[in-house]
Amino acid sequence: MRIEIEPGVKLFVDVEGLGWVPEAGQLRQRPTLLLLHGGPGFDHGGFRPFFSRFTDIAQVVYYDHRSQGRSDDRPRSEWTLDTWADDVVRLCERLGIERPIVVGQSFGGFVAQRYLARHPGHPAKVVLSSTSHHTGLPRKLAAFARLGGAQAEAAARAFWLQPGSDTWADYEVHCRHLYNTTPQRKLFETQFRPDVLFHFVAGEKQAMDLRAGLAGVRCPVLVLVGEEDPVTPPQDAEEIAAALPPDCVQFVRLPKVGHGAWRDDPAAAEALLRGFFAA
């Protein structure tokens, strides 16, 4: 379905699971998981079908960020982390969601970090999964060189410094398969907006550093990273965890796992997430 979050702006939203369940003669409200997908420029499909398994404990809400996936196209002036972060609040207000558990994966983790900075009292909990606080190009290049050799390092350097159709095509060939430690089966076609990706990488991402906004966080935050993730390396996650208040943060590195822990070790990721959601 398409939800209007402000005049003229509609986001694509999909919902799994009941928000209220009968228990002991009354209706009990379940928590809401709000999932912020990676990219930018992609859709929420990277969360499927894994997050369907949490419908036994929560209502799961998927959506496509503004100007991404199946959501409305909007002017480039709105393709900013501030706008995408504020859209989390706008969508919750429109759907009547209070105190969501927000899961930000990769680029969705950038949005979640900015959301935490701008709206620290809004979420109940946040998961920052396979994400970074900055571009961190030297770390990326070292990781791609280790995993894929000189061709992967060169393709990564070219794309992250000069994002465009040609450099993205080479990056897809030489780098994308290195994101994970297990072969990833493509279940369906995603809705991809490369112009949003190129715009963000060439612009706001170059000088991005999200750590300063994390000092005022007031909710539990799980920082989750795979030890073999080349595009958002473990050192980035360590620095994010260090920027959060010590009494709020749980930091977990999963071995033999790449980008998006559930893709390489779904059992370990599920156990960890269930524990965090329920705590």
C-alpha atoms as a PDB file:
ATOM      1  CA  MET A   1       0.000   0.000   0.000  1.00  0.00           C
ATOM      2  CA  ARG A   2       1.015   3.613  -0.412  1.00  0.00           C
ATOM      3  CA  ILE A   3       0.809   5.922   2.612  1.00  0.00           C
ATOM      4  CA  GLU A   4       0.833   9.724   2.367  1.00  0.00           C
ATOM      5  CA  ILE A   5       3.186  10.942   5.103  1.00  0.00           C
ATOM      6  CA  GLU A   6       2.922  14.626   4.199  1.00  0.00           C
ATOM      7  CA  PRO A   7       1.096  16.471   1.406  1.00  0.00           C
ATOM      8  CA  GLY A   8       2.201  15.040  -1.929  1.00  0.00           C
ATOM      9  CA  VAL A   9       4.619  12.462  -0.485  1.00  0.00           C
ATOM     10  CA  LYS A  10       3.636   8.787  -0.507  1.00  0.00           C
ATOM     11  CA  LEU A  11       5.784   5.914   0.721  1.00  0.00           C
ATOM     12  CA  PHE A  12       5.304   2.274  -0.213  1.00  0.00           C
ATOM     13  CA  VAL A  13       4.519   0.298   2.962  1.00  0.00           C
ATOM     14  CA  ASP A  14       3.878  -3.386   3.616  1.00  0.00           C
ATOM     15  CA  VAL A  15       2.871  -4.951   6.942  1.00  0.00           C
ATOM     16  CA  GLU A  16       3.148  -8.483   8.289  1.00  0.00           C
ATOM     17  CA  GLY A  17       1.671  -9.814  11.524  1.00  0.00           C
ATOM     18  CA  LEU A  18      -0.906  -8.674  14.039  1.00  0.00           C
ATOM     19  CA  GLY A  19      -0.415  -5.552  16.091  1.00  0.00           C
ATOM     20  CA  TRP A  20      -2.885  -6.716  18.730  1.00  0.00           C
ATOM     21  CA  VAL A  21      -3.379 -10.334  19.829  1.00  0.00           C
ATOM     22  CA  PRO A  22      -5.950 -11.950  22.161  1.00  0.00           C
ATOM     23  CA  GLU A  23      -4.372 -13.047  25.408  1.00  0.00           C
ATOM     24  CA  ALA A  24      -5.981 -13.944  28.748  1.00  0.00           C
ATOM     25  CA  GLY A  25      -9.321 -12.518  27.719  1.00  0.00           C
ATOM     26  CA  GLN A  26      -8.053  -9.219  26.389  1.00  0.00           C
ATOM     27  CA  LEU A  27      -6.133  -7.740  23.489  1.00  0.00           C
ATOM     28  CA  ARG A  28      -2.433  -7.218  24.051  1.00  0.00           C
ATOM     29  CA  GLN A  29      -0.410  -4.883  21.863  1.00  0.00           C
ATOM     30  CA  ARG A  30       2.729  -6.260  20.282  1.00  0.00           C
ATOM     31  CA  PRO A  31       5.815  -4.147  19.540  1.00  0.00           C
ATOM     32  CA  THR A  32       6.335  -2.857  16.020  1.00  0.00           C
ATOM     33  CA  LEU A  33       9.504  -3.616  14.096  1.00  0.00           C
ATOM     34  CA  LEU A  34      10.153  -0.822  11.593  1.00  0.00           C
ATOM     35  CA  LEU A  35      12.711  -1.854   8.971  1.00  0.00           C
ATOM     36  CA  LEU A  36      14.990   0.661   7.219  1.00  0.00           C
ATOM     37  CA  HIS A  37      16.494  -0.864   4.104  1.00  0.00           C
ATOM     38  CA  GLY A  38      19.913  -0.450   2.540  1.00  0.00           C
ATOM     39  CA  GLY A  39      21.033   1.336  -0.581  1.00  0.00           C
ATOM     40  CA  PRO A  40      20.310   4.068  -1.151  1.00  0.00           C
ATOM     41  CA  GLY A  41      18.230   3.530  -4.252  1.00  0.00           C
ATOM     42  CA  PHE A  42      17.056  -0.006  -3.465  1.00  0.00           C
ATOM     43  CA  ASP A  43      13.832  -1.260  -1.866  1.00  0.00           C
ATOM     44  CA  HIS A  44      12.934  -3.191   1.286  1.00  0.00           C
ATOM     45  CA  GLY A  45      13.304  -6.610  -0.397  1.00  0.00           C
ATOM     46  CA  GLY A  46      16.604  -7.356   1.348  1.00  0.00           C
ATOM     47  CA  PHE A  47      14.637  -7.955   4.561  1.00  0.00           C
ATOM     48  CA  ARG A  48      12.516 -10.684   2.969  1.00  0.00           C
ATOM     49  CA  PRO A  49      11.798 -13.430   3.777  1.00  0.00           C
ATOM     50  CA  PHE A  50      13.981 -13.474   6.926  1.00  0.00           C
ATOM     51  CA  PHE A  51      12.050 -10.948   9.014  1.00  0.00           C
ATOM     52  CA  SER A  52       8.737 -12.747   8.468  1.00  0.00           C
ATOM     53  CA  ARG A  53       9.790 -15.112  11.258  1.00  0.00           C
ATOM     54  CA  PHE A  54       9.373 -12.346  13.843  1.00  0.00           C
ATOM     55  CA  THR A  55       5.614 -12.023  13.289  1.00  0.00           C
ATOM     56  CA  ASP A  56       5.123 -14.342  16.273  1.00  0.00           C
ATOM     57  CA  ILE A  57       6.357 -11.593  18.608  1.00  0.00           C
ATOM     58  CA  ALA A  58       5.852  -8.314  16.706  1.00  0.00           C
ATOM     59  CA  GLN A  59       4.133  -6.541  13.877  1.00  0.00           C
ATOM     60  CA  VAL A  60       6.681  -6.077  11.095  1.00  0.00           C
ATOM     61  CA  VAL A  61       6.514  -2.936   8.956  1.00  0.00           C
ATOM     62  CA  TYR A  62       8.522  -2.684   5.739  1.00  0.00           C
ATOM     63  CA  TYR A  63       8.741   0.483   3.681  1.00  0.00           C
ATOM     64  CA  ASP A  64      10.728   2.010   0.839  1.00  0.00           C
ATOM     65  CA  HIS A  65      12.531   5.265   1.624  1.00  0.00           C
ATOM     66  CA  ARG A  66      11.420   8.433  -0.098  1.00  0.00           C
ATOM     67  CA  SER A  67      12.382   8.394  -3.826  1.00  0.00           C
ATOM     68  CA  GLN A  68      13.440   4.743  -3.536  1.00  0.00           C
ATOM     69  CA  GLY A  69      11.856   1.432  -4.445  1.00  0.00           C
ATOM     70  CA  ARG A  70       8.116   1.824  -5.021  1.00  0.00           C
ATOM     71  CA  SER A  71       7.802   5.093  -3.110  1.00  0.00           C
ATOM     72  CA  ASP A  72       7.127   8.420  -4.786  1.00  0.00           C
ATOM     73  CA  ASP A  73       9.881  10.103  -6.724  1.00  0.00           C
ATOM     74  CA  ARG A  74      10.725  13.439  -5.161  1.00  0.00           C
ATOM     75  CA  PRO A  75      13.114  16.332  -5.964  1.00  0.00           C
ATOM     76  CA  ARG A  76      16.835  15.791  -5.372  1.00  0.00           C
ATOM     77  CA  SER A  77      16.790  18.479  -2.710  1.00  0.00           C
ATOM     78  CA  GLU A  78      14.909  15.960  -0.534  1.00  0.00           C
ATOM     79  CA  TRP A  79      17.449  13.155  -0.976  1.00  0.00           C
ATOM     80  CA  THR A  80      19.124  13.839   2.370  1.00  0.00           C
ATOM     81  CA  LEU A  81      19.660  11.951   5.610  1.00  0.00           C
ATOM     82  CA  ASP A  82      17.715  14.608   7.506  1.00  0.00           C
ATOM     83  CA  THR A  83      14.672  14.062   5.283  1.00  0.00           C
ATOM     84  CA  TRP A  84      14.890  10.269   5.356  1.00  0.00           C
ATOM     85  CA  ALA A  85      15.347  10.326   9.150  1.00  0.00           C
ATOM     86  CA  ASP A  86      12.360  12.607   9.666  1.00  0.00           C
ATOM     87  CA  ASP A  87      10.305  10.330   7.396  1.00  0.00           C
ATOM     88  CA  VAL A  88      10.616   7.622  10.072  1.00  0.00           C
ATOM     89  CA  VAL A  89       8.700   9.878  12.466  1.00  0.00           C
ATOM     90  CA  ARG A  90       6.254  11.029   9.789  1.00  0.00           C
ATOM     91  CA  LEU A  91       5.414   7.439   8.857  1.00  0.00           C
ATOM     92  CA  CYS A  92       4.958   6.414  12.487  1.00  0.00           C
ATOM     93  CA  GLU A  93       2.635   9.353  13.107  1.00  0.00           C
ATOM     94  CA  ARG A  94       0.586   8.468  10.030  1.00  0.00           C
ATOM     95  CA  LEU A  95       0.293   4.795  11.042  1.00  0.00           C
ATOM     96  CA  GLY A  96      -0.194   5.426  14.762  1.00  0.00           C
ATOM     97  CA  ILE A  97       3.034   3.647  15.719  1.00  0.00           C
ATOM     98  CA  GLU A  98       4.481   4.588  19.103  1.00  0.00           C
ATOM     99  CA  ARG A  99       7.905   3.568  20.386  1.00  0.00           C
ATOM    100  CA  PRO A 100       8.961   1.410  17.418  1.00  0.00           C
ATOM    101  CA  ILE A 101      11.890  -0.970  17.400  1.00  0.00           C
ATOM    102  CA  VAL A 102      13.844   0.395  14.429  1.00  0.00           C
ATOM    103  CA  VAL A 103      16.190  -1.842  12.448  1.00  0.00           C
ATOM    104  CA  GLY A 104      18.585   0.005  10.122  1.00  0.00           C
ATOM    105  CA  GLN A 105      20.601  -2.122   7.698  1.00  0.00           C
ATOM    106  CA  SER A 106      23.602  -0.605   5.851  1.00  0.00           C
ATOM    107  CA  PHE A 107      22.350   2.715   4.387  1.00  0.00           C
ATOM    108  CA  GLY A 108      19.287   2.199   6.581  1.00  0.00           C
ATOM    109  CA  GLY A 109      21.744   2.335   9.476  1.00  0.00           C
ATOM    110  CA  PHE A 110      22.890   5.782   8.312  1.00  0.00           C
ATOM    111  CA  VAL A 111      19.248   6.879   8.394  1.00  0.00           C
ATOM    112  CA  ALA A 112      18.768   5.271  11.812  1.00  0.00           C
ATOM    113  CA  GLN A 113      21.805   7.075  13.232  1.00  0.00           C
ATOM    114  CA  ARG A 114      20.528  10.428  12.001  1.00  0.00           C
ATOM    115  CA  TYR A 115      17.050   9.547  13.311  1.00  0.00           C
ATOM    116  CA  LEU A 116      18.552   8.815  16.735  1.00  0.00           C
ATOM    117  CA  ALA A 117      20.315  12.172  16.678  1.00  0.00           C
ATOM    118  CA  ARG A 118      17.226  14.146  15.657  1.00  0.00           C
ATOM    119  CA  HIS A 119      14.578  12.184  17.570  1.00  0.00           C
ATOM    120  CA  PRO A 120      16.301  10.480  20.529  1.00  0.00           C
ATOM    121  CA  GLY A 121      13.089   9.953  22.477  1.00  0.00           C
ATOM    122  CA  HIS A 122      11.124   8.386  19.642  1.00  0.00           C
ATOM    123  CA  PRO A 123      12.272   4.731  19.403  1.00  0.00           C
ATOM    124  CA  ALA A 124      11.993   1.994  22.000  1.00  0.00           C
ATOM    125  CA  LYS A 125      15.115   0.281  20.656  1.00  0.00           C
ATOM    126  CA  VAL A 126      17.349   0.484  17.589  1.00  0.00           C
ATOM    127  CA  VAL A 127      19.445  -2.069  15.725  1.00  0.00           C
ATOM    128  CA  LEU A 128      22.362  -0.687  13.702  1.00  0.00           C
ATOM    129  CA  SER A 129      23.223  -3.582  11.395  1.00  0.00           C
ATOM    130  CA  SER A 130      26.177  -3.719   8.977  1.00  0.00           C
ATOM    131  CA  THR A 131      26.506   0.037   8.833  1.00  0.00           C
ATOM    132  CA  SER A 132      29.080   2.825   9.105  1.00  0.00           C
ATOM    133  CA  HIS A 133      29.303   6.346  10.415  1.00  0.00           C
ATOM    134  CA  HIS A 134      31.500   7.616   7.542  1.00  0.00           C
ATOM    135  CA  THR A 135      32.756   6.706   4.082  1.00  0.00           C
ATOM    136  CA  GLY A 136      35.904   5.079   5.476  1.00  0.00           C
ATOM    137  CA  LEU A 137      37.360   4.404   2.040  1.00  0.00           C
ATOM    138  CA  PRO A 138      40.805   3.095   3.125  1.00  0.00           C
ATOM    139  CA  ARG A 139      39.185   0.352   5.209  1.00  0.00           C
ATOM    140  CA  LYS A 140      36.863  -0.613   2.366  1.00  0.00           C
ATOM    141  CA  LEU A 141      39.721  -0.791  -0.115  1.00  0.00           C
ATOM    142  CA  ALA A 142      41.854  -2.915   2.204  1.00  0.00           C
ATOM    143  CA  ALA A 143      38.968  -5.333   2.759  1.00  0.00           C
ATOM    144  CA  PHE A 144      38.125  -5.674  -0.926  1.00  0.00           C
ATOM    145  CA  ALA A 145      41.797  -6.171  -1.779  1.00  0.00           C
ATOM    146  CA  ARG A 146      42.043  -8.938   0.823  1.00  0.00           C
ATOM    147  CA  LEU A 147      38.923 -10.701  -0.410  1.00  0.00           C
ATOM    148  CA  GLY A 148      39.040 -10.046  -4.143  1.00  0.00           C
ATOM    149  CA  GLY A 149      42.508  -8.894  -5.076  1.00  0.00           C
ATOM    150  CA  ALA A 150      43.605  -5.924  -7.156  1.00  0.00           C
ATOM    151  CA  GLN A 151      40.574  -5.958  -9.470  1.00  0.00           C
ATOM    152  CA  ALA A 152      38.143  -5.689  -6.576  1.00  0.00           C
ATOM    153  CA  GLU A 153      40.188  -2.952  -4.922  1.00  0.00           C
ATOM    154  CA  ALA A 154      40.353  -0.954  -8.171  1.00  0.00           C
ATOM    155  CA  ALA A 155      36.619  -1.340  -8.830  1.00  0.00           C
ATOM    156  CA  ALA A 156      35.794  -0.255  -5.275  1.00  0.00           C
ATOM    157  CA  ARG A 157      38.077   2.769  -5.506  1.00  0.00           C
ATOM    158  CA  ALA A 158      36.571   3.847  -8.818  1.00  0.00           C
ATOM    159  CA  PHE A 159      32.959   3.570  -7.681  1.00  0.00           C
ATOM    160  CA  TRP A 160      33.281   5.189  -4.267  1.00  0.00           C
ATOM    161  CA  LEU A 161      35.278   8.103  -5.714  1.00  0.00           C
ATOM    162  CA  GLN A 162      33.363   8.512  -9.002  1.00  0.00           C
ATOM    163  CA  PRO A 163      29.925   6.898  -8.723  1.00  0.00           C
ATOM    164  CA  GLY A 164      28.182   6.405 -12.054  1.00  0.00           C
ATOM    165  CA  SER A 165      26.774   3.784 -14.383  1.00  0.00           C
ATOM    166  CA  ASP A 166      30.155   2.528 -15.636  1.00  0.00           C
ATOM    167  CA  THR A 167      31.879   2.323 -12.252  1.00  0.00           C
ATOM    168  CA  TRP A 168      28.774   0.705 -10.730  1.00  0.00           C
ATOM    169  CA  ALA A 169      28.753  -1.950 -13.452  1.00  0.00           C
ATOM    170  CA  ASP A 170      32.370  -2.875 -12.622  1.00  0.00           C
ATOM    171  CA  TYR A 171      31.636  -2.767  -8.904  1.00  0.00           C
ATOM    172  CA  GLU A 172      28.751  -5.192  -9.361  1.00  0.00           C
ATOM    173  CA  VAL A 173      31.024  -7.640 -11.182  1.00  0.00           C
ATOM    174  CA  HIS A 174      34.105  -7.450  -8.950  1.00  0.00           C
ATOM    175  CA  CYS A 175      32.824  -6.414  -5.489  1.00  0.00           C
ATOM    176  CA  ARG A 176      29.200  -7.186  -4.757  1.00  0.00           C
ATOM    177  CA  HIS A 177      29.674 -10.964  -4.502  1.00  0.00           C
ATOM    178  CA  LEU A 178      32.295 -10.313  -1.810  1.00  0.00           C
ATOM    179  CA  TYR A 179      29.748  -8.744   0.547  1.00  0.00           C
ATOM    180  CA  ASN A 180      28.814 -12.131   1.984  1.00  0.00           C
ATOM    181  CA  THR A 181      30.595 -15.329   2.950  1.00  0.00           C
ATOM    182  CA  THR A 182      27.903 -17.595   1.476  1.00  0.00           C
ATOM    183  CA  PRO A 183      26.400 -17.537  -2.047  1.00  0.00           C
ATOM    184  CA  GLN A 184      23.285 -15.358  -2.111  1.00  0.00           C
ATOM    185  CA  ARG A 185      20.339 -16.646  -4.104  1.00  0.00           C
ATOM    186  CA  LYS A 186      18.302 -13.940  -5.813  1.00  0.00           C
ATOM    187  CA  LEU A 187      14.669 -14.568  -4.916  1.00  0.00           C
ATOM    188  CA  PHE A 188      13.092 -11.646  -6.789  1.00  0.00           C
ATOM    189  CA  GLU A 189      13.910  -8.477  -8.683  1.00  0.00           C
ATOM    190  CA  THR A 190      14.394  -5.365  -6.578  1.00  0.00           C
ATOM    191  CA  GLN A 191      13.248  -1.892  -7.562  1.00  0.00           C
ATOM    192  CA  PHE A 192      16.523  -0.020  -8.062  1.00  0.00           C
ATOM    193  CA  ARG A 193      17.005   3.738  -8.457  1.00  0.00           C
ATOM    194  CA  PRO A 194      20.706   4.189  -9.323  1.00  0.00           C
ATOM    195  CA  ASP A 195      20.386   7.967  -9.584  1.00  0.00           C
ATOM    196  CA  VAL A 196      19.651   8.158  -5.844  1.00  0.00           C
ATOM    197  CA  LEU A 197      22.672   5.961  -5.074  1.00  0.00           C
ATOM    198  CA  PHE A 198      25.051   7.990  -7.248  1.00  0.00           C
ATOM    199  CA  HIS A 199      23.735  11.305  -5.903  1.00  0.00           C
ATOM    200  CA  PHE A 200      24.197  10.302  -2.273  1.00  0.00           C
ATOM    201  CA  VAL A 201      27.622   8.662  -2.679  1.00  0.00           C
ATOM    202  CA  ALA A 202      28.985  11.626  -4.639  1.00  0.00           C
ATOM    203  CA  GLY A 203      27.468  14.159  -2.260  1.00  0.00           C
ATOM    204  CA  GLU A 204      26.448  13.838   1.378  1.00  0.00           C
ATOM    205  CA  LYS A 205      28.264  10.569   2.011  1.00  0.00           C
ATOM    206  CA  GLN A 206      31.693  11.984   1.183  1.00  0.00           C
ATOM    207  CA  ALA A 207      31.903  14.158   4.314  1.00  0.00           C
ATOM    208  CA  MET A 208      29.503  12.155   6.473  1.00  0.00           C
ATOM    209  CA  ASP A 209      30.377  11.470  10.108  1.00  0.00           C
ATOM    210  CA  LEU A 210      27.383  10.459  12.215  1.00  0.00           C
ATOM    211  CA  ARG A 211      29.101   9.865  15.553  1.00  0.00           C
ATOM    212  CA  ALA A 212      28.471  13.280  17.129  1.00  0.00           C
ATOM    213  CA  GLY A 213      24.717  12.741  17.049  1.00  0.00           C
ATOM    214  CA  LEU A 214      24.917   9.491  19.006  1.00  0.00           C
ATOM    215  CA  ALA A 215      25.959  10.994  22.349  1.00  0.00           C
ATOM    216  CA  GLY A 216      22.375  11.862  23.288  1.00  0.00           C
ATOM    217  CA  VAL A 217      20.861   8.433  22.606  1.00  0.00           C
ATOM    218  CA  ARG A 218      18.454   7.306  25.345  1.00  0.00           C
ATOM    219  CA  CYS A 219      17.302   3.854  24.219  1.00  0.00           C
ATOM    220  CA  PRO A 220      19.000   0.444  23.927  1.00  0.00           C
ATOM    221  CA  VAL A 221      21.010   0.094  20.713  1.00  0.00           C
ATOM    222  CA  LEU A 222      22.370  -3.139  19.269  1.00  0.00           C
ATOM    223  CA  VAL A 223      25.370  -2.591  16.982  1.00  0.00           C
ATOM    224  CA  LEU A 224      25.716  -5.730  14.881  1.00  0.00           C
ATOM    225  CA  VAL A 225      28.474  -6.461  12.361  1.00  0.00           C
ATOM    226  CA  GLY A 226      29.938  -9.408  10.505  1.00  0.00           C
ATOM    227  CA  GLU A 227      33.683  -9.900  10.873  1.00  0.00           C
ATOM    228  CA  GLU A 228      34.013 -10.482   7.113  1.00  0.00           C
ATOM    229  CA  ASP A 229      32.008  -7.463   5.948  1.00  0.00           C
ATOM    230  CA  PRO A 230      34.117  -5.493   3.431  1.00  0.00           C
ATOM    231  CA  VAL A 231      31.782  -2.556   2.750  1.00  0.00           C
ATOM    232  CA  THR A 232      30.947  -1.662   6.369  1.00  0.00           C
ATOM    233  CA  PRO A 233      33.965  -3.147   8.162  1.00  0.00           C
ATOM    234  CA  PRO A 234      33.996  -4.143  11.845  1.00  0.00           C
ATOM    235  CA  GLN A 235      36.206  -1.178  12.777  1.00  0.00           C
ATOM    236  CA  ASP A 236      33.395   1.174  11.725  1.00  0.00           C
ATOM    237  CA  ALA A 237      30.943  -0.656  13.987  1.00  0.00           C
ATOM    238  CA  GLU A 238      33.419  -0.463  16.865  1.00  0.00           C
ATOM    239  CA  GLU A 239      33.617   3.310  16.460  1.00  0.00           C
ATOM    240  CA  ILE A 240      29.831   3.620  16.343  1.00  0.00           C
ATOM    241  CA  ALA A 241      29.551   1.590  19.556  1.00  0.00           C
ATOM    242  CA  ALA A 242      32.217   3.769  21.205  1.00  0.00           C
ATOM    243  CA  ALA A 243      30.240   6.924  20.313  1.00  0.00           C
ATOM    244  CA  LEU A 244      27.075   5.648  22.034  1.00  0.00           C
ATOM    245  CA  PRO A 245      26.450   6.012  25.784  1.00  0.00           C
ATOM    246  CA  PRO A 246      27.961   2.901  27.426  1.00  0.00           C
ATOM    247  CA  ASP A 247      24.769   2.051  29.309  1.00  0.00           C
ATOM    248  CA  CYS A 248      22.764   1.999  26.046  1.00  0.00           C
ATOM    249  CA  VAL A 249      24.907  -0.063  23.693  1.00  0.00           C
ATOM    250  CA  GLN A 250      25.296  -3.769  22.992  1.00  0.00           C
ATOM    251  CA  PHE A 251      28.036  -4.551  20.462  1.00  0.00           C
ATOM    252  CA  VAL A 252      28.230  -7.913  18.683  1.00  0.00           C
ATOM    253  CA  ARG A 253      30.665  -9.143  16.028  1.00  0.00           C
ATOM    254  CA  LEU A 254      29.604 -12.364  14.346  1.00  0.00           C
ATOM    255  CA  PRO A 255      32.373 -14.605  12.928  1.00  0.00           C
ATOM    256  CA  LYS A 256      32.305 -15.914   9.352  1.00  0.00           C
ATOM    257  CA  VAL A 257      29.584 -13.408   8.489  1.00  0.00           C
ATOM    258  CA  GLY A 258      29.494 -10.587   5.955  1.00  0.00           C
ATOM    259  CA  HIS A 259      27.032  -7.811   5.115  1.00  0.00           C
ATOM    260  CA  GLY A 260      23.686  -8.469   6.824  1.00  0.00           C
ATOM    261  CA  ALA A 261      24.235 -11.170   9.430  1.00  0.00           C
ATOM    262  CA  TRP A 262      21.007 -13.033   8.634  1.00  0.00           C
ATOM    263  CA  ARG A 263      22.216 -13.700   5.095  1.00  0.00           C
ATOM    264  CA  ASP A 264      25.201 -15.798   6.207  1.00  0.00           C
ATOM    265  CA  ASP A 265      24.144 -17.123   9.630  1.00  0.00           C
ATOM    266  CA  PRO A 266      20.366 -16.845   9.962  1.00  0.00           C
ATOM    267  CA  ALA A 267      20.182 -18.985  13.107  1.00  0.00           C
ATOM    268  CA  ALA A 268      22.708 -16.873  15.024  1.00  0.00           C
ATOM    269  CA  ALA A 269      21.152 -13.631  13.770  1.00  0.00           C
ATOM    270  CA  GLU A 270      17.653 -14.728  14.752  1.00  0.00           C
ATOM    271  CA  ALA A 271      18.690 -15.772  18.264  1.00  0.00           C
ATOM    272  CA  LEU A 272      20.542 -12.499  18.798  1.00  0.00           C
ATOM    273  CA  LEU A 273      17.729 -10.316  17.486  1.00  0.00           C
ATOM    274  CA  ARG A 274      15.038 -12.169  19.421  1.00  0.00           C
ATOM    275  CA  GLY A 275      17.011 -11.692  22.602  1.00  0.00           C
ATOM    276  CA  PHE A 276      17.440  -7.979  21.962  1.00  0.00           C
ATOM    277  CA  PHE A 277      13.803  -7.435  20.971  1.00  0.00           C
ATOM    278  CA  ALA A 278      12.556  -9.212  24.099  1.00  0.00           C
ATOM    279  CA  ALA A 279      14.996  -7.808  26.658  1.00  0.00           C
END
